[in-house]
Amino acid sequence: MKKISLFFITLICAQTLFAHPHAFIDMKTKVLVDKQQLVGFSMQWILDEPSSAAVLYDVKQAKGDKKALQKLIDEVIGNVVNEHSLQLFI
């Protein structure tokens, strides 16, 4: 009985280890065509409130430092690429 209880306690505690925050992003994609030729895509992202607050906080911490702001932008884009958070077209 003790082993079963210990198993369930461990299982419950392990669930918190796998918990992590999520960002919810509404994406709108526009196809860019010039002279009947595809030239690219334009994407608009609308972040949820917690994600927006985090980004605004980080931008504020850059305090107008262009290098710090570019580093932040590079990190955000890097995270998107690493997590494959782009829309797929079929």
C-alpha atoms as a PDB file:
ATOM      1  CA  MET A   1       0.000   0.000   0.000  1.00  0.00           C
ATOM      2  CA  LYS A   2       2.868   2.370   0.809  1.00  0.00           C
ATOM      3  CA  LYS A   3       4.415   1.732  -2.599  1.00  0.00           C
ATOM      4  CA  ILE A   4       1.137   2.561  -4.356  1.00  0.00           C
ATOM      5  CA  SER A   5       0.706   5.749  -2.320  1.00  0.00           C
ATOM      6  CA  LEU A   6       4.288   6.770  -3.018  1.00  0.00           C
ATOM      7  CA  PHE A   7       3.731   6.082  -6.725  1.00  0.00           C
ATOM      8  CA  PHE A   8       0.670   8.357  -6.879  1.00  0.00           C
ATOM      9  CA  ILE A   9       2.376  11.126  -4.896  1.00  0.00           C
ATOM     10  CA  THR A  10       5.352  10.967  -7.251  1.00  0.00           C
ATOM     11  CA  LEU A  11       3.036  10.993 -10.263  1.00  0.00           C
ATOM     12  CA  ILE A  12       1.194  14.087  -9.000  1.00  0.00           C
ATOM     13  CA  CYS A  13       4.441  15.923  -8.236  1.00  0.00           C
ATOM     14  CA  ALA A  14       5.888  15.020 -11.633  1.00  0.00           C
ATOM     15  CA  GLN A  15       2.986  16.736 -13.379  1.00  0.00           C
ATOM     16  CA  THR A  16       4.143  20.112 -12.039  1.00  0.00           C
ATOM     17  CA  LEU A  17       7.594  19.532 -13.522  1.00  0.00           C
ATOM     18  CA  PHE A  18       6.132  19.365 -17.005  1.00  0.00           C
ATOM     19  CA  ALA A  19       3.986  22.479 -16.579  1.00  0.00           C
ATOM     20  CA  HIS A  20       5.120  25.529 -18.533  1.00  0.00           C
ATOM     21  CA  PRO A  21       3.541  28.764 -19.716  1.00  0.00           C
ATOM     22  CA  HIS A  22       1.951  28.964 -23.124  1.00  0.00           C
ATOM     23  CA  ALA A  23       1.628  31.920 -25.448  1.00  0.00           C
ATOM     24  CA  PHE A  24      -1.479  32.259 -27.553  1.00  0.00           C
ATOM     25  CA  ILE A  25      -0.954  34.102 -30.807  1.00  0.00           C
ATOM     26  CA  ASP A  26      -3.561  34.950 -33.411  1.00  0.00           C
ATOM     27  CA  MET A  27      -1.859  35.082 -36.780  1.00  0.00           C
ATOM     28  CA  LYS A  28      -3.104  36.690 -39.955  1.00  0.00           C
ATOM     29  CA  THR A  29      -1.200  35.954 -43.147  1.00  0.00           C
ATOM     30  CA  LYS A  30      -1.489  37.969 -46.319  1.00  0.00           C
ATOM     31  CA  VAL A  31      -0.116  36.731 -49.635  1.00  0.00           C
ATOM     32  CA  LEU A  32       1.920  39.409 -51.441  1.00  0.00           C
ATOM     33  CA  VAL A  33       1.656  39.311 -55.227  1.00  0.00           C
ATOM     34  CA  ASP A  34       3.245  41.729 -57.696  1.00  0.00           C
ATOM     35  CA  LYS A  35       2.531  41.419 -61.427  1.00  0.00           C
ATOM     36  CA  GLN A  36       0.966  37.998 -60.936  1.00  0.00           C
ATOM     37  CA  GLN A  37       4.083  36.719 -59.167  1.00  0.00           C
ATOM     38  CA  LEU A  38       4.351  35.653 -55.542  1.00  0.00           C
ATOM     39  CA  VAL A  39       6.783  38.005 -53.822  1.00  0.00           C
ATOM     40  CA  GLY A  40       6.240  37.018 -50.200  1.00  0.00           C
ATOM     41  CA  PHE A  41       3.988  36.888 -47.206  1.00  0.00           C
ATOM     42  CA  SER A  42       3.025  39.508 -44.652  1.00  0.00           C
ATOM     43  CA  MET A  43       2.217  38.248 -41.175  1.00  0.00           C
ATOM     44  CA  GLN A  44       0.421  40.052 -38.375  1.00  0.00           C
ATOM     45  CA  TRP A  45       0.689  38.605 -34.881  1.00  0.00           C
ATOM     46  CA  ILE A  46      -1.725  39.462 -32.090  1.00  0.00           C
ATOM     47  CA  LEU A  47      -0.341  38.246 -28.757  1.00  0.00           C
ATOM     48  CA  ASP A  48      -2.384  37.366 -25.686  1.00  0.00           C
ATOM     49  CA  GLU A  49      -2.188  39.749 -22.702  1.00  0.00           C
ATOM     50  CA  PRO A  50       0.517  37.918 -20.678  1.00  0.00           C
ATOM     51  CA  SER A  51       2.762  37.561 -23.737  1.00  0.00           C
ATOM     52  CA  SER A  52       2.195  41.193 -24.699  1.00  0.00           C
ATOM     53  CA  ALA A  53       3.078  42.315 -21.178  1.00  0.00           C
ATOM     54  CA  ALA A  54       6.289  40.244 -21.224  1.00  0.00           C
ATOM     55  CA  VAL A  55       7.375  41.674 -24.585  1.00  0.00           C
ATOM     56  CA  LEU A  56       6.578  45.242 -23.515  1.00  0.00           C
ATOM     57  CA  TYR A  57       8.515  44.743 -20.281  1.00  0.00           C
ATOM     58  CA  ASP A  58      11.557  43.499 -22.196  1.00  0.00           C
ATOM     59  CA  VAL A  59      11.340  46.385 -24.675  1.00  0.00           C
ATOM     60  CA  LYS A  60      11.145  48.852 -21.785  1.00  0.00           C
ATOM     61  CA  GLN A  61      14.248  47.270 -20.222  1.00  0.00           C
ATOM     62  CA  ALA A  62      16.183  47.992 -23.431  1.00  0.00           C
ATOM     63  CA  LYS A  63      15.700  51.724 -22.651  1.00  0.00           C
ATOM     64  CA  GLY A  64      16.266  52.861 -26.228  1.00  0.00           C
ATOM     65  CA  ASP A  65      19.519  50.889 -26.605  1.00  0.00           C
ATOM     66  CA  LYS A  66      19.389  49.787 -30.248  1.00  0.00           C
ATOM     67  CA  LYS A  67      21.775  46.854 -29.719  1.00  0.00           C
ATOM     68  CA  ALA A  68      19.770  45.551 -26.749  1.00  0.00           C
ATOM     69  CA  LEU A  69      16.521  45.949 -28.685  1.00  0.00           C
ATOM     70  CA  GLN A  70      17.960  44.118 -31.714  1.00  0.00           C
ATOM     71  CA  LYS A  71      19.170  41.330 -29.417  1.00  0.00           C
ATOM     72  CA  LEU A  72      15.623  41.013 -28.039  1.00  0.00           C
ATOM     73  CA  ILE A  73      14.153  40.893 -31.544  1.00  0.00           C
ATOM     74  CA  ASP A  74      16.702  38.255 -32.586  1.00  0.00           C
ATOM     75  CA  GLU A  75      15.832  36.141 -29.519  1.00  0.00           C
ATOM     76  CA  VAL A  76      12.097  36.313 -30.233  1.00  0.00           C
ATOM     77  CA  ILE A  77      12.559  35.385 -33.899  1.00  0.00           C
ATOM     78  CA  GLY A  78      14.987  32.624 -32.898  1.00  0.00           C
ATOM     79  CA  ASN A  79      12.404  31.167 -30.508  1.00  0.00           C
ATOM     80  CA  VAL A  80       9.758  31.210 -33.206  1.00  0.00           C
ATOM     81  CA  VAL A  81      12.028  29.433 -35.678  1.00  0.00           C
ATOM     82  CA  ASN A  82      13.175  26.867 -33.091  1.00  0.00           C
ATOM     83  CA  GLU A  83       9.641  26.065 -32.030  1.00  0.00           C
ATOM     84  CA  HIS A  84       8.296  25.907 -35.602  1.00  0.00           C
ATOM     85  CA  SER A  85       5.602  28.422 -34.687  1.00  0.00           C
ATOM     86  CA  LEU A  86       5.020  29.534 -38.254  1.00  0.00           C
ATOM     87  CA  GLN A  87       1.902  28.689 -40.191  1.00  0.00           C
ATOM     88  CA  LEU A  88       2.098  25.899 -42.706  1.00  0.00           C
ATOM     89  CA  PHE A  89       0.528  26.151 -46.128  1.00  0.00           C
ATOM     90  CA  ILE A  90      -0.729  23.056 -47.891  1.00  0.00           C
END
